[in-house]
């Protein structure tokens, strides 16, 4: 899945960012730390390892018909929500 940046709603902010990127003056955002305060770093690392493997393993285990059924149920749930 491709992560997308949030779109700026203000035209001036977007224009300013574009000019800075074009002139190589844009500041790079600092990377978020992998481990937050109060969490065991080893547990966090294990969770990431399992999380990266889980989706592809589940896809391989499911039949195409079952994946299609899950996708239809998810789409129906998204469209039936009220704002």
Protein backbone atom coordinates (compact mmCIF):
# COMPACT_ATOMS: atom_id res chain seq x y z
CA UNK A 1 0.00 0.00 0.00
CA UNK A 2 1.33 3.40 -0.92
CA UNK A 3 1.27 5.97 1.86
CA UNK A 4 0.09 9.36 0.70
CA UNK A 5 0.69 12.71 2.29
CA UNK A 6 -2.28 14.67 3.52
CA UNK A 7 -3.33 17.36 1.08
CA UNK A 8 -3.10 20.94 2.27
CA UNK A 9 -6.44 22.66 2.12
CA UNK A 10 -4.88 26.13 1.86
CA UNK A 11 -3.69 27.11 -1.62
CA UNK A 12 -1.03 29.49 -0.27
CA UNK A 13 0.52 26.77 1.89
CA UNK A 14 0.62 24.38 -1.05
CA UNK A 15 2.15 27.02 -3.34
CA UNK A 16 4.80 27.87 -0.73
CA UNK A 17 5.72 24.20 -0.32
CA UNK A 18 5.97 23.71 -4.10
CA UNK A 19 8.27 26.72 -4.47
CA UNK A 20 10.49 25.51 -1.63
CA UNK A 21 10.74 22.03 -3.12
CA UNK A 22 11.52 23.45 -6.57
CA UNK A 23 14.33 25.62 -5.21
CA UNK A 24 15.71 22.87 -2.93
CA UNK A 25 14.94 24.89 0.20
CA UNK A 26 12.40 22.46 1.63
CA UNK A 27 13.17 21.09 5.05
CA UNK A 28 12.83 17.36 5.40
CA UNK A 29 10.43 16.20 8.07
CA UNK A 30 12.14 14.43 10.96
CA UNK A 31 11.60 10.69 11.04
CA UNK A 32 9.27 9.38 13.69
CA UNK A 33 11.00 7.20 16.26
CA UNK A 34 10.21 3.51 15.89
CA UNK A 35 9.79 3.01 19.62
CA UNK A 36 7.65 5.28 21.77
CA UNK A 37 8.07 5.88 25.48
CA UNK A 38 6.79 3.11 27.71
CA UNK A 39 6.93 0.33 25.13
CA UNK A 40 9.32 -2.59 25.13
CA UNK A 41 11.56 -2.13 22.05
CA UNK A 42 11.89 -5.88 21.57
CA UNK A 43 8.12 -6.34 21.57
CA UNK A 44 7.74 -3.50 19.06
CA UNK A 45 10.31 -5.12 16.75
CA UNK A 46 8.58 -8.50 16.98
CA UNK A 47 5.22 -6.91 16.22
CA UNK A 48 6.60 -5.24 13.10
CA UNK A 49 8.13 -8.50 11.91
CA UNK A 50 4.84 -10.33 12.27
CA UNK A 51 2.84 -7.47 10.78
CA UNK A 52 4.93 -7.39 7.64
CA UNK A 53 4.45 -11.11 7.08
CA UNK A 54 0.81 -11.39 8.07
CA UNK A 55 -0.90 -9.77 5.08
CA UNK A 56 0.93 -11.66 2.33
CA UNK A 57 0.60 -14.94 4.26
CA UNK A 58 -3.16 -14.42 4.65
CA UNK A 59 -3.50 -13.60 0.95
CA UNK A 60 -1.68 -16.78 0.02
CA UNK A 61 -3.86 -18.88 2.35
CA UNK A 62 -7.21 -17.54 1.09
CA UNK A 63 -8.86 -18.61 -2.13
CA UNK A 64 -9.64 -15.94 -4.75
CA UNK A 65 -13.37 -16.44 -4.13
CA UNK A 66 -13.00 -15.88 -0.37
CA UNK A 67 -10.84 -12.77 -0.94
CA UNK A 68 -13.50 -11.41 -3.29
CA UNK A 69 -16.21 -12.09 -0.70
CA UNK A 70 -14.21 -10.29 2.02
CA UNK A 71 -13.64 -7.32 -0.31
CA UNK A 72 -17.36 -7.09 -1.13
CA UNK A 73 -18.29 -7.17 2.55
CA UNK A 74 -15.74 -4.44 3.32
CA UNK A 75 -17.02 -2.24 0.49
CA UNK A 76 -20.61 -2.72 1.63
CA UNK A 77 -19.63 -1.77 5.18
CA UNK A 78 -17.90 1.39 3.96
CA UNK A 79 -20.85 2.49 1.82
CA UNK A 80 -23.50 1.84 4.47
CA UNK A 81 -21.86 4.04 7.15
CA UNK A 82 -23.50 7.32 8.00
CA UNK A 83 -21.25 10.34 8.52
